[in-house]
C-alpha atoms as a PDB file:
ATOM      1  CA  MET A   1       0.006  -0.011   0.000  1.00  0.00           C
ATOM      2  CA  ASP A   2       1.363   3.472  -1.296  1.00  0.00           C
ATOM      3  CA  PHE A   3       1.200   6.525   1.374  1.00  0.00           C
ATOM      4  CA  LEU A   4       0.956   9.347  -0.519  1.00  0.00           C
ATOM      5  CA  SER A   5       1.433  12.804   1.458  1.00  0.00           C
ATOM      6  CA  PRO A   6       0.666  16.035  -0.290  1.00  0.00           C
ATOM      7  CA  THR A   7       1.183  19.608   1.265  1.00  0.00           C
ATOM      8  CA  THR A   8      -1.233  21.428  -1.010  1.00  0.00           C
ATOM      9  CA  VAL A   9      -4.542  21.231  -2.274  1.00  0.00           C
ATOM     10  CA  ALA A  10      -3.399  21.374  -5.944  1.00  0.00           C
ATOM     11  CA  GLU A  11      -0.654  18.719  -5.030  1.00  0.00           C
ATOM     12  CA  ALA A  12      -3.632  16.401  -3.598  1.00  0.00           C
ATOM     13  CA  LEU A  13      -5.966  17.074  -6.694  1.00  0.00           C
ATOM     14  CA  GLU A  14      -2.824  16.461  -8.983  1.00  0.00           C
ATOM     15  CA  LEU A  15      -2.330  12.836  -7.069  1.00  0.00           C
ATOM     16  CA  LYS A  16      -5.623  11.884  -7.131  1.00  0.00           C
ATOM     17  CA  ALA A  17      -6.137  12.439 -10.793  1.00  0.00           C
ATOM     18  CA  ALA A  18      -3.056  10.264 -11.235  1.00  0.00           C
ATOM     19  CA  ARG A  19      -4.056   7.541  -8.654  1.00  0.00           C
ATOM     20  CA  PRO A  20      -8.009   7.684  -8.604  1.00  0.00           C
ATOM     21  CA  SER A  21      -8.188   4.719  -6.380  1.00  0.00           C
ATOM     22  CA  ALA A  22      -6.298   6.395  -3.737  1.00  0.00           C
ATOM     23  CA  VAL A  23      -8.393   6.490  -0.960  1.00  0.00           C
ATOM     24  CA  PRO A  24      -8.502   9.908   1.225  1.00  0.00           C
ATOM     25  CA  ILE A  25      -7.651   9.725   4.878  1.00  0.00           C
ATOM     26  CA  ALA A  26      -7.104  12.566   7.657  1.00  0.00           C
ATOM     27  CA  GLY A  27      -8.712  11.294  10.776  1.00  0.00           C
ATOM     28  CA  GLY A  28      -8.942   7.948   9.962  1.00  0.00           C
ATOM     29  CA  THR A  29     -12.079   7.376  12.037  1.00  0.00           C
ATOM     30  CA  ASP A  30     -13.838   5.802   9.076  1.00  0.00           C
ATOM     31  CA  VAL A  31     -10.837   4.570   6.811  1.00  0.00           C
ATOM     32  CA  MET A  32      -8.673   2.778   9.357  1.00  0.00           C
ATOM     33  CA  VAL A  33     -11.860   0.872  11.136  1.00  0.00           C
ATOM     34  CA  GLU A  34     -12.511  -0.283   7.381  1.00  0.00           C
ATOM     35  CA  ILE A  35      -8.813  -1.379   6.759  1.00  0.00           C
ATOM     36  CA  ASN A  36      -8.248  -3.084  10.316  1.00  0.00           C
ATOM     37  CA  PHE A  37     -11.441  -5.206   9.874  1.00  0.00           C
ATOM     38  CA  GLY A  38     -10.444  -6.134   6.285  1.00  0.00           C
ATOM     39  CA  HIS A  39     -13.427  -4.533   4.749  1.00  0.00           C
ATOM     40  CA  ARG A  40     -10.884  -2.253   2.297  1.00  0.00           C
ATOM     41  CA  ARG A  41      -7.751  -2.668   1.415  1.00  0.00           C
ATOM     42  CA  PRO A  42      -6.996   0.125  -1.203  1.00  0.00           C
ATOM     43  CA  ASP A  43      -3.549   0.541  -3.496  1.00  0.00           C
ATOM     44  CA  ALA A  44      -2.885   3.370  -1.929  1.00  0.00           C
ATOM     45  CA  LEU A  45      -3.742   6.180   0.803  1.00  0.00           C
ATOM     46  CA  LEU A  46      -3.908   9.832   0.108  1.00  0.00           C
ATOM     47  CA  ASP A  47      -2.758  11.539   3.484  1.00  0.00           C
ATOM     48  CA  LEU A  48      -4.497  15.130   3.662  1.00  0.00           C
ATOM     49  CA  ASN A  49      -3.306  16.061   7.201  1.00  0.00           C
ATOM     50  CA  ARG A  50      -0.414  18.352   6.019  1.00  0.00           C
ATOM     51  CA  ILE A  51      -2.691  20.519   4.163  1.00  0.00           C
ATOM     52  CA  ALA A  52      -3.545  23.658   6.286  1.00  0.00           C
ATOM     53  CA  GLU A  53      -6.095  24.767   3.730  1.00  0.00           C
ATOM     54  CA  LEU A  54      -8.425  21.926   4.679  1.00  0.00           C
ATOM     55  CA  HIS A  55      -8.228  22.430   8.460  1.00  0.00           C
ATOM     56  CA  GLY A  56      -9.513  25.863   8.759  1.00  0.00           C
ATOM     57  CA  TYR A  57     -12.556  28.027   8.120  1.00  0.00           C
ATOM     58  CA  SER A  58     -13.221  31.468   6.345  1.00  0.00           C
ATOM     59  CA  THR A  59     -16.540  33.487   5.326  1.00  0.00           C
ATOM     60  CA  VAL A  60     -16.843  33.186   1.695  1.00  0.00           C
ATOM     61  CA  ASP A  61     -19.811  35.231   0.007  1.00  0.00           C
ATOM     62  CA  GLY A  62     -21.562  35.601   3.528  1.00  0.00           C
ATOM     63  CA  ARG A  63     -21.141  31.401   4.129  1.00  0.00           C
ATOM     64  CA  ILE A  64     -18.912  29.859   6.712  1.00  0.00           C
ATOM     65  CA  ARG A  65     -16.575  27.634   4.470  1.00  0.00           C
ATOM     66  CA  ILE A  66     -15.334  24.801   6.391  1.00  0.00           C
ATOM     67  CA  GLY A  67     -12.228  22.877   5.504  1.00  0.00           C
ATOM     68  CA  ALA A  68     -13.100  19.029   4.897  1.00  0.00           C
ATOM     69  CA  CYS A  69     -10.574  18.315   7.745  1.00  0.00           C
ATOM     70  CA  MET A  70     -11.514  20.771  10.364  1.00  0.00           C
ATOM     71  CA  PRO A  71     -12.103  18.594  13.300  1.00  0.00           C
ATOM     72  CA  TYR A  72     -15.329  18.351  15.229  1.00  0.00           C
ATOM     73  CA  SER A  73     -13.901  19.720  17.999  1.00  0.00           C
ATOM     74  CA  ARG A  74     -13.097  23.079  16.745  1.00  0.00           C
ATOM     75  CA  ILE A  75     -16.562  23.375  15.095  1.00  0.00           C
ATOM     76  CA  ILE A  76     -18.089  23.249  18.682  1.00  0.00           C
ATOM     77  CA  THR A  77     -15.315  25.488  19.809  1.00  0.00           C
ATOM     78  CA  GLU A  78     -15.073  27.796  17.208  1.00  0.00           C
ATOM     79  CA  LEU A  79     -18.236  28.043  15.323  1.00  0.00           C
ATOM     80  CA  GLY A  80     -20.974  27.098  17.768  1.00  0.00           C
ATOM     81  CA  THR A  81     -22.698  30.220  17.652  1.00  0.00           C
ATOM     82  CA  SER A  82     -22.229  30.696  13.857  1.00  0.00           C
ATOM     83  CA  VAL A  83     -23.684  26.987  12.924  1.00  0.00           C
ATOM     84  CA  PRO A  84     -25.007  25.927  16.231  1.00  0.00           C
ATOM     85  CA  GLY A  85     -27.123  22.838  14.515  1.00  0.00           C
ATOM     86  CA  LEU A  86     -23.879  21.655  13.017  1.00  0.00           C
ATOM     87  CA  ALA A  87     -22.038  21.983  16.438  1.00  0.00           C
ATOM     88  CA  MET A  88     -24.927  20.337  18.153  1.00  0.00           C
ATOM     89  CA  ALA A  89     -24.515  17.358  16.027  1.00  0.00           C
ATOM     90  CA  SER A  90     -20.654  17.473  16.159  1.00  0.00           C
ATOM     91  CA  ARG A  91     -21.151  17.269  20.184  1.00  0.00           C
ATOM     92  CA  THR A  92     -22.834  14.030  19.795  1.00  0.00           C
ATOM     93  CA  VAL A  93     -19.671  12.350  17.529  1.00  0.00           C
ATOM     94  CA  GLY A  94     -17.721   9.410  19.340  1.00  0.00           C
ATOM     95  CA  SER A  95     -15.565  10.095  22.178  1.00  0.00           C
ATOM     96  CA  PRO A  96     -13.185  13.286  22.163  1.00  0.00           C
ATOM     97  CA  GLN A  97     -10.515  11.651  20.839  1.00  0.00           C
ATOM     98  CA  ILE A  98     -12.913  10.841  17.683  1.00  0.00           C
ATOM     99  CA  ARG A  99     -14.215  14.476  17.833  1.00  0.00           C
ATOM    100  CA  ASN A 100     -10.545  15.880  18.112  1.00  0.00           C
ATOM    101  CA  ARG A 101      -9.748  13.683  14.438  1.00  0.00           C
ATOM    102  CA  GLY A 102     -12.984  13.214  12.584  1.00  0.00           C
ATOM    103  CA  SER A 103     -14.507  15.758  10.356  1.00  0.00           C
ATOM    104  CA  VAL A 104     -17.328  16.770   8.277  1.00  0.00           C
ATOM    105  CA  GLY A 105     -15.685  15.999   5.200  1.00  0.00           C
ATOM    106  CA  GLY A 106     -14.944  12.564   6.275  1.00  0.00           C
ATOM    107  CA  ASN A 107     -18.611  11.989   7.214  1.00  0.00           C
ATOM    108  CA  LEU A 108     -19.578  13.330   3.852  1.00  0.00           C
ATOM    109  CA  GLY A 109     -16.869  11.231   1.898  1.00  0.00           C
ATOM    110  CA  ALA A 110     -18.337   8.029   3.980  1.00  0.00           C
ATOM    111  CA  ALA A 111     -22.023   9.111   3.107  1.00  0.00           C
ATOM    112  CA  SER A 112     -23.502   6.640   5.740  1.00  0.00           C
ATOM    113  CA  PRO A 113     -27.004   7.099   6.417  1.00  0.00           C
ATOM    114  CA  ALA A 114     -25.869   7.629   9.873  1.00  0.00           C
ATOM    115  CA  GLY A 115     -23.608  10.160   9.908  1.00  0.00           C
ATOM    116  CA  ASP A 116     -24.229  12.781  12.438  1.00  0.00           C
ATOM    117  CA  SER A 117     -23.386  16.034  10.755  1.00  0.00           C
ATOM    118  CA  HIS A 118     -25.623  14.889   7.606  1.00  0.00           C
ATOM    119  CA  PRO A 119     -29.051  16.158   9.125  1.00  0.00           C
ATOM    120  CA  ALA A 120     -27.795  19.366  10.121  1.00  0.00           C
ATOM    121  CA  LEU A 121     -25.890  19.881   6.525  1.00  0.00           C
ATOM    122  CA  LEU A 122     -29.531  19.264   5.236  1.00  0.00           C
ATOM    123  CA  ALA A 123     -31.508  21.558   7.546  1.00  0.00           C
ATOM    124  CA  THR A 124     -29.272  24.318   6.919  1.00  0.00           C
ATOM    125  CA  ASP A 125     -28.939  24.292   2.787  1.00  0.00           C
ATOM    126  CA  ALA A 126     -25.400  23.825   2.934  1.00  0.00           C
ATOM    127  CA  SER A 127     -23.471  23.301   0.035  1.00  0.00           C
ATOM    128  CA  VAL A 128     -20.458  20.634  -0.384  1.00  0.00           C
ATOM    129  CA  GLU A 129     -17.393  21.716  -2.146  1.00  0.00           C
ATOM    130  CA  ILE A 130     -15.738  19.362  -4.614  1.00  0.00           C
ATOM    131  CA  ALA A 131     -12.620  19.885  -6.624  1.00  0.00           C
ATOM    132  CA  SER A 132     -10.405  18.214  -9.043  1.00  0.00           C
ATOM    133  CA  ILE A 133      -7.809  19.167 -11.670  1.00  0.00           C
ATOM    134  CA  ARG A 134     -10.773  20.174 -13.738  1.00  0.00           C
ATOM    135  CA  GLY A 135     -11.714  22.739 -11.462  1.00  0.00           C
ATOM    136  CA  VAL A 136     -14.050  23.463  -8.408  1.00  0.00           C
ATOM    137  CA  ARG A 137     -17.896  22.614  -8.348  1.00  0.00           C
ATOM    138  CA  MET A 138     -20.391  23.452  -5.756  1.00  0.00           C
ATOM    139  CA  VAL A 139     -23.160  20.572  -4.914  1.00  0.00           C
ATOM    140  CA  PRO A 140     -25.985  21.106  -2.567  1.00  0.00           C
ATOM    141  CA  ALA A 141     -26.024  18.557   0.514  1.00  0.00           C
ATOM    142  CA  ASN A 142     -29.555  17.837  -0.712  1.00  0.00           C
ATOM    143  CA  ASP A 143     -28.037  16.633  -3.962  1.00  0.00           C
ATOM    144  CA  PHE A 144     -25.080  14.900  -2.560  1.00  0.00           C
ATOM    145  CA  TYR A 145     -26.189  11.458  -1.622  1.00  0.00           C
ATOM    146  CA  VAL A 146     -27.148   9.112  -4.190  1.00  0.00           C
ATOM    147  CA  GLY A 147     -27.358   6.108  -2.072  1.00  0.00           C
ATOM    148  CA  VAL A 148     -26.070   3.797   0.860  1.00  0.00           C
ATOM    149  CA  LYS A 149     -22.603   4.854   1.503  1.00  0.00           C
ATOM    150  CA  ARG A 150     -22.691   6.758  -1.855  1.00  0.00           C
ATOM    151  CA  ASN A 151     -22.119  10.239  -3.014  1.00  0.00           C
ATOM    152  CA  VAL A 152     -21.476  12.356  -6.266  1.00  0.00           C
ATOM    153  CA  LEU A 153     -17.723  11.908  -6.097  1.00  0.00           C
ATOM    154  CA  LYS A 154     -15.895  10.979  -9.520  1.00  0.00           C
ATOM    155  CA  PRO A 155     -12.772   9.268  -8.745  1.00  0.00           C
ATOM    156  CA  ASP A 156     -10.646  12.117  -9.241  1.00  0.00           C
ATOM    157  CA  GLU A 157     -12.313  14.275  -7.298  1.00  0.00           C
ATOM    158  CA  LEU A 158     -11.985  15.480  -3.531  1.00  0.00           C
ATOM    159  CA  ILE A 159     -14.042  17.100  -1.007  1.00  0.00           C
ATOM    160  CA  THR A 160     -12.647  20.431  -0.082  1.00  0.00           C
ATOM    161  CA  ALA A 161     -15.079  21.970   1.899  1.00  0.00           C
ATOM    162  CA  VAL A 162     -18.447  22.599   3.125  1.00  0.00           C
ATOM    163  CA  HIS A 163     -20.067  25.895   2.940  1.00  0.00           C
ATOM    164  CA  VAL A 164     -23.141  26.823   5.446  1.00  0.00           C
ATOM    165  CA  PRO A 165     -24.987  29.786   5.759  1.00  0.00           C
ATOM    166  CA  PRO A 166     -24.603  31.459   9.310  1.00  0.00           C
ATOM    167  CA  ALA A 167     -27.633  30.872  11.068  1.00  0.00           C
ATOM    168  CA  THR A 168     -30.210  33.489  11.420  1.00  0.00           C
ATOM    169  CA  GLY A 169     -32.533  31.752  13.438  1.00  0.00           C
ATOM    170  CA  PRO A 170     -32.839  28.775  16.192  1.00  0.00           C
ATOM    171  CA  GLN A 171     -31.506  25.233  15.144  1.00  0.00           C
ATOM    172  CA  GLN A 172     -31.476  21.772  17.051  1.00  0.00           C
ATOM    173  CA  PHE A 173     -30.159  18.197  16.531  1.00  0.00           C
ATOM    174  CA  SER A 174     -31.490  15.502  18.362  1.00  0.00           C
ATOM    175  CA  LYS A 175     -29.921  11.577  17.984  1.00  0.00           C
ATOM    176  CA  VAL A 176     -31.255   8.509  19.384  1.00  0.00           C
ATOM    177  CA  GLY A 177     -29.345   5.888  20.687  1.00  0.00           C
ATOM    178  CA  THR A 178     -27.818   4.011  23.586  1.00  0.00           C
ATOM    179  CA  ARG A 179     -26.068   7.106  24.916  1.00  0.00           C
ATOM    180  CA  ASN A 180     -25.498  10.570  23.504  1.00  0.00           C
ATOM    181  CA  ALA A 181     -22.206  10.054  22.166  1.00  0.00           C
ATOM    182  CA  MET A 182     -19.472   7.197  20.994  1.00  0.00           C
ATOM    183  CA  VAL A 183     -22.688   5.289  19.058  1.00  0.00           C
ATOM    184  CA  ILE A 184     -24.114   5.188  15.930  1.00  0.00           C
ATOM    185  CA  ALA A 185     -27.176   6.672  15.630  1.00  0.00           C
ATOM    186  CA  VAL A 186     -30.565   4.769  15.401  1.00  0.00           C
ATOM    187  CA  CYS A 187     -32.445   7.942  13.929  1.00  0.00           C
ATOM    188  CA  ALA A 188     -31.614  11.575  14.390  1.00  0.00           C
ATOM    189  CA  PHE A 189     -33.308  14.934  13.032  1.00  0.00           C
ATOM    190  CA  ALA A 190     -32.118  18.256  12.655  1.00  0.00           C
ATOM    191  CA  ILE A 191     -34.491  21.569  12.412  1.00  0.00           C
ATOM    192  CA  ALA A 192     -33.555  25.181  11.494  1.00  0.00           C
ATOM    193  CA  LEU A 193     -35.597  28.364  11.503  1.00  0.00           C
ATOM    194  CA  HIS A 194     -35.185  30.800   8.796  1.00  0.00           C
ATOM    195  CA  PRO A 195     -37.102  33.558  10.337  1.00  0.00           C
ATOM    196  CA  GLU A 196     -35.739  36.316   7.510  1.00  0.00           C
ATOM    197  CA  GLN A 197     -37.226  33.590   4.791  1.00  0.00           C
ATOM    198  CA  LYS A 198     -40.474  32.719   6.958  1.00  0.00           C
ATOM    199  CA  ARG A 199     -39.283  28.898   6.545  1.00  0.00           C
ATOM    200  CA  VAL A 200     -38.135  25.995   8.144  1.00  0.00           C
ATOM    201  CA  GLY A 201     -35.227  23.586   6.995  1.00  0.00           C
ATOM    202  CA  THR A 202     -35.073  19.575   7.889  1.00  0.00           C
ATOM    203  CA  GLY A 203     -32.768  16.907   8.143  1.00  0.00           C
ATOM    204  CA  ILE A 204     -33.346  13.236   8.810  1.00  0.00           C
ATOM    205  CA  GLY A 205     -30.658  10.617   9.487  1.00  0.00           C
ATOM    206  CA  SER A 206     -30.355   6.666   9.631  1.00  0.00           C
ATOM    207  CA  ALA A 207     -33.760   6.460   8.540  1.00  0.00           C
ATOM    208  CA  ALA A 208     -33.587   6.226   4.782  1.00  0.00           C
ATOM    209  CA  PRO A 209     -31.324   4.808   2.503  1.00  0.00           C
ATOM    210  CA  THR A 210     -29.827   8.018   2.538  1.00  0.00           C
ATOM    211  CA  PRO A 211     -29.817  11.357   4.715  1.00  0.00           C
ATOM    212  CA  LEU A 212     -33.302  13.114   3.326  1.00  0.00           C
ATOM    213  CA  ARG A 213     -35.486  16.183   4.089  1.00  0.00           C
ATOM    214  CA  SER A 214     -38.795  15.905   4.811  1.00  0.00           C
ATOM    215  CA  TYR A 215     -40.254  18.626   2.213  1.00  0.00           C
ATOM    216  CA  GLU A 216     -44.192  18.057   3.282  1.00  0.00           C
ATOM    217  CA  ALA A 217     -43.343  18.993   7.120  1.00  0.00           C
ATOM    218  CA  GLU A 218     -41.233  22.133   5.766  1.00  0.00           C
ATOM    219  CA  GLU A 219     -44.289  23.201   3.701  1.00  0.00           C
ATOM    220  CA  PHE A 220     -46.740  22.756   6.618  1.00  0.00           C
ATOM    221  CA  LEU A 221     -44.488  24.836   8.805  1.00  0.00           C
ATOM    222  CA  ASN A 222     -43.781  27.379   6.409  1.00  0.00           C
ATOM    223  CA  THR A 223     -47.620  28.241   6.064  1.00  0.00           C
ATOM    224  CA  GLU A 224     -48.706  27.559   9.776  1.00  0.00           C
ATOM    225  CA  LEU A 225     -46.071  29.195  11.750  1.00  0.00           C
ATOM    226  CA  PRO A 226     -47.299  32.164  13.706  1.00  0.00           C
ATOM    227  CA  TRP A 227     -43.819  34.293  12.280  1.00  0.00           C
ATOM    228  CA  GLY A 228     -43.443  37.534  13.914  1.00  0.00           C
ATOM    229  CA  SER A 229     -45.418  36.441  16.936  1.00  0.00           C
ATOM    230  CA  SER A 230     -44.491  35.332  20.664  1.00  0.00           C
ATOM    231  CA  GLU A 231     -47.200  33.058  20.815  1.00  0.00           C
ATOM    232  CA  ALA A 232     -46.966  29.281  21.594  1.00  0.00           C
ATOM    233  CA  LEU A 233     -47.467  26.587  19.008  1.00  0.00           C
ATOM    234  CA  TYR A 234     -50.552  24.302  19.441  1.00  0.00           C
ATOM    235  CA  ASP A 235     -50.010  20.834  20.170  1.00  0.00           C
ATOM    236  CA  SER A 236     -51.967  19.872  17.065  1.00  0.00           C
ATOM    237  CA  MET A 237     -49.411  21.454  15.158  1.00  0.00           C
ATOM    238  CA  LEU A 238     -46.459  19.857  16.669  1.00  0.00           C
ATOM    239  CA  ARG A 239     -47.951  16.476  16.249  1.00  0.00           C
ATOM    240  CA  ARG A 240     -48.755  17.032  12.788  1.00  0.00           C
ATOM    241  CA  PHE A 241     -45.079  18.120  12.047  1.00  0.00           C
ATOM    242  CA  GLY A 242     -44.067  15.044  13.734  1.00  0.00           C
ATOM    243  CA  GLU A 243     -46.629  12.667  11.449  1.00  0.00           C
ATOM    244  CA  LEU A 244     -44.827  14.251   8.274  1.00  0.00           C
ATOM    245  CA  VAL A 245     -41.482  13.875   9.365  1.00  0.00           C
ATOM    246  CA  ALA A 246     -42.160  10.217  10.342  1.00  0.00           C
ATOM    247  CA  GLN A 247     -43.950   9.665   6.926  1.00  0.00           C
ATOM    248  CA  ALA A 248     -41.095  11.046   4.980  1.00  0.00           C
ATOM    249  CA  ALA A 249     -38.344   8.495   6.337  1.00  0.00           C
ATOM    250  CA  SER A 250     -38.222   4.711   4.781  1.00  0.00           C
ATOM    251  CA  PRO A 251     -35.923   2.797   7.781  1.00  0.00           C
ATOM    252  CA  ILE A 252     -35.691  -0.666   7.659  1.00  0.00           C
ATOM    253  CA  ASP A 253     -35.395  -3.393  10.933  1.00  0.00           C
ATOM    254  CA  ASP A 254     -31.714  -4.119  11.826  1.00  0.00           C
ATOM    255  CA  VAL A 255     -29.792  -4.804  14.942  1.00  0.00           C
ATOM    256  CA  ARG A 256     -30.171  -1.238  16.278  1.00  0.00           C
ATOM    257  CA  GLY A 257     -34.013  -0.523  16.150  1.00  0.00           C
ATOM    258  CA  THR A 258     -36.884  -1.324  13.805  1.00  0.00           C
ATOM    259  CA  ALA A 259     -38.529   0.196  11.357  1.00  0.00           C
ATOM    260  CA  SER A 260     -41.631   1.130  13.525  1.00  0.00           C
ATOM    261  CA  TYR A 261     -39.433   2.145  16.155  1.00  0.00           C
ATOM    262  CA  ARG A 262     -37.308   4.770  14.107  1.00  0.00           C
ATOM    263  CA  ARG A 263     -40.546   6.160  12.902  1.00  0.00           C
ATOM    264  CA  HIS A 264     -42.036   6.691  16.351  1.00  0.00           C
ATOM    265  CA  ALA A 265     -38.682   8.140  17.389  1.00  0.00           C
ATOM    266  CA  LEU A 266     -38.351  10.815  14.417  1.00  0.00           C
ATOM    267  CA  ALA A 267     -42.197  11.808  15.475  1.00  0.00           C
ATOM    268  CA  VAL A 268     -40.770  12.667  18.851  1.00  0.00           C
ATOM    269  CA  MET A 269     -37.885  14.181  18.028  1.00  0.00           C
ATOM    270  CA  ALA A 270     -39.535  16.470  15.575  1.00  0.00           C
ATOM    271  CA  ARG A 271     -41.853  17.565  17.955  1.00  0.00           C
ATOM    272  CA  ARG A 272     -39.459  18.349  20.716  1.00  0.00           C
ATOM    273  CA  THR A 273     -36.725  20.095  18.466  1.00  0.00           C
ATOM    274  CA  LEU A 274     -39.518  22.409  16.991  1.00  0.00           C
ATOM    275  CA  SER A 275     -40.812  23.075  20.737  1.00  0.00           C
ATOM    276  CA  TRP A 276     -37.402  24.038  21.769  1.00  0.00           C
ATOM    277  CA  ALA A 277     -36.438  25.870  18.516  1.00  0.00           C
ATOM    278  CA  TRP A 278     -39.970  27.566  18.393  1.00  0.00           C
ATOM    279  CA  SER A 279     -39.336  28.708  22.264  1.00  0.00           C
ATOM    280  CA  GLU A 280     -35.969  30.127  21.798  1.00  0.00           C
ATOM    281  CA  TYR A 281     -37.655  32.099  18.636  1.00  0.00           C
ATOM    282  CA  ARG A 282     -40.186  33.409  20.974  1.00  0.00           C
ATOM    283  CA  ARG A 283     -37.580  35.003  23.480  1.00  0.00           C
ATOM    284  CA  SER A 284     -35.494  36.445  20.329  1.00  0.00           C
ATOM    285  CA  GLU A 285     -35.731  39.787  19.015  1.00  0.00           C
ATOM    286  CA  GLN A 286     -37.435  38.698  15.675  1.00  0.00           C
ATOM    287  CA  CYS A 287     -41.019  38.520  17.224  1.00  0.00           C
ATOM    288  CA  ALA A 288     -42.905  41.229  17.415  1.00  0.00           C
END
């Protein structure tokens, strides 16, 4: 197995073009597990750890550009107020050691339906920055996942960053598992309020072949929420929202949970996260 260690993005893209089968590795929290268990034996690893650009963040066109290798721990401590939903999801990832090594770029590359960052990326209308020697393209998170552990990356492409709009309203994330962290999600849900647009974003994880949004649930809230008001939400609205979120999922039975349990859990998480987000919104200056 060859070990390729570029120091710049340009060099990494040249190596990836020359060796399309080379597997990118940074934190190694997914790749090394697969190698150690014999599930994967690549002919080359493309080490991205020495590329400083991939480990930082900046503001580009009003969005937070998060480098593909920036660890979850830094998203939590440095971007918690800018992208609170993603920071909440990051707190549930593995152990402190995993959060110090793992990254959103790695989560996207693995494209597991259970990846913790996916629901928050969907709810906030994030975009994935993908690069090759042919150039850079931006793919909305909603179009990035194409199947179980499959994404839109071409063999010569690398994920270089994710672009997330800074929060303009409350965001929440909830995950069901045997513990809050260090566990693969049985199912997960994220919600983001966008008061300036009078709309809501959602994200569902570990309850379908790919992470997905619940468009019907979003449309329901877009027309029913009393934007600009400090009034509480009716229980009937919360329950209907939960029902629509659960209906959007297509879960399976597996060792972590049954399909029926996942639908039930999603409905509960949807109601709770909406209630929490709306309570925060009611206390904000955005309410008349």
